[in-house]
Amino acid sequence: MNIPLTRSEFEHRLHLLENHSKTGRLMLVEGVSGESLLKVRRLPNGRIDFLSVDETARLQANMMEWVKSIPMPNMPNMPNDEGTP
């Protein structure tokens, strides 16, 4: 997993995580709370307050970026909803 090297890269990941959360595309496994994501604050200038980002939010943002880089396996033709391939 590549880690962000700059503040802007890390903020970008947190903004993507926020966007996924607001659009309903963020799925958490059972037993994982999204509470830490709700605790992330913004500074008056609109930047992320890194003191409010805990380990869970940081790992979630980095993991979401890492998962995008995993190549999808070749799947055999799967039938669609109507039962035709």
Protein backbone atom coordinates (compact mmCIF):
# COMPACT_ATOMS: atom_id res chain seq x y z
CA MET A 1 0.00 0.00 0.00
CA ASN A 2 1.47 3.34 -0.95
CA ILE A 3 1.19 6.03 1.68
CA PRO A 4 0.55 9.67 0.87
CA LEU A 5 3.77 11.65 0.64
CA THR A 6 2.28 15.12 0.95
CA ARG A 7 -0.46 16.85 2.88
CA SER A 8 -2.40 17.44 -0.32
CA GLU A 9 -2.34 13.72 -1.22
CA PHE A 10 -3.66 12.83 2.23
CA GLU A 11 -6.34 15.52 2.09
CA HIS A 12 -7.35 14.27 -1.36
CA ARG A 13 -7.87 10.77 0.04
CA LEU A 14 -9.94 12.10 2.91
CA HIS A 15 -12.06 14.17 0.51
CA LEU A 16 -12.66 11.06 -1.64
CA LEU A 17 -13.64 9.15 1.48
CA GLU A 18 -16.05 11.92 2.44
CA ASN A 19 -17.53 11.93 -1.07
CA HIS A 20 -18.03 8.16 -1.02
CA SER A 21 -19.71 8.46 2.37
CA LYS A 22 -22.10 11.21 1.21
CA THR A 23 -23.04 9.40 -2.01
CA GLY A 24 -23.65 6.04 -0.31
CA ARG A 25 -20.72 4.29 -1.99
CA LEU A 26 -18.83 3.70 1.27
CA MET A 27 -19.41 0.23 2.67
CA LEU A 28 -18.04 -0.74 6.06
CA VAL A 29 -17.72 -4.31 7.27
CA GLU A 30 -19.85 -5.45 10.16
CA GLY A 31 -18.44 -4.34 13.46
CA VAL A 32 -16.66 -1.29 12.01
CA SER A 33 -18.16 2.02 12.98
CA GLY A 34 -18.03 5.10 10.80
CA GLU A 35 -17.92 7.25 13.93
CA SER A 36 -14.28 8.23 13.45
CA LEU A 37 -15.10 9.61 9.99
CA LEU A 38 -17.73 11.88 11.53
CA LYS A 39 -15.15 13.30 13.94
CA VAL A 40 -12.88 14.65 11.18
CA ARG A 41 -13.02 18.45 11.36
CA ARG A 42 -12.13 21.23 8.97
CA LEU A 43 -10.07 24.26 9.82
CA PRO A 44 -11.46 27.77 9.20
CA ASN A 45 -9.54 27.90 5.90
CA GLY A 46 -11.31 24.71 4.69
CA ARG A 47 -8.34 22.38 5.12
CA ILE A 48 -8.54 19.13 7.08
CA ASP A 49 -7.64 19.36 10.77
CA PHE A 50 -5.18 16.48 11.01
CA LEU A 51 -5.44 16.46 14.80
CA SER A 52 -9.02 15.22 14.38
CA VAL A 53 -8.06 12.32 12.06
CA ASP A 54 -7.65 9.13 14.06
CA GLU A 55 -6.06 5.87 12.96
CA THR A 56 -9.33 4.36 11.73
CA ALA A 57 -10.11 7.30 9.42
CA ARG A 58 -6.52 7.37 8.15
CA LEU A 59 -6.49 3.64 7.43
CA GLN A 60 -9.88 3.80 5.72
CA ALA A 61 -8.73 6.62 3.43
CA ASN A 62 -5.49 4.83 2.55
CA MET A 63 -7.22 1.48 2.07
CA MET A 64 -9.78 2.98 -0.30
CA GLU A 65 -6.95 4.32 -2.46
CA TRP A 66 -5.10 0.99 -2.29
CA VAL A 67 -8.16 -1.03 -3.36
CA LYS A 68 -8.47 1.11 -6.51
CA SER A 69 -5.04 -0.11 -7.60
CA ILE A 70 -5.87 -3.84 -7.33
CA PRO A 71 -6.46 -5.35 -10.76
CA MET A 72 -9.84 -7.01 -11.14
CA PRO A 73 -9.67 -10.72 -11.98
CA ASN A 74 -10.97 -11.92 -15.32
CA MET A 75 -14.43 -13.26 -14.67
CA PRO A 76 -16.20 -15.68 -17.00
CA ASN A 77 -19.29 -14.35 -18.68
CA MET A 78 -21.81 -13.92 -15.93
CA PRO A 79 -25.52 -13.85 -16.70
CA ASN A 80 -27.19 -10.50 -16.27
CA ASP A 81 -30.42 -9.94 -14.35
CA GLU A 82 -32.54 -11.35 -17.20
CA GLY A 83 -30.60 -14.61 -17.24
CA THR A 84 -28.77 -13.99 -20.54
CA PRO A 85 -25.00 -13.57 -20.75
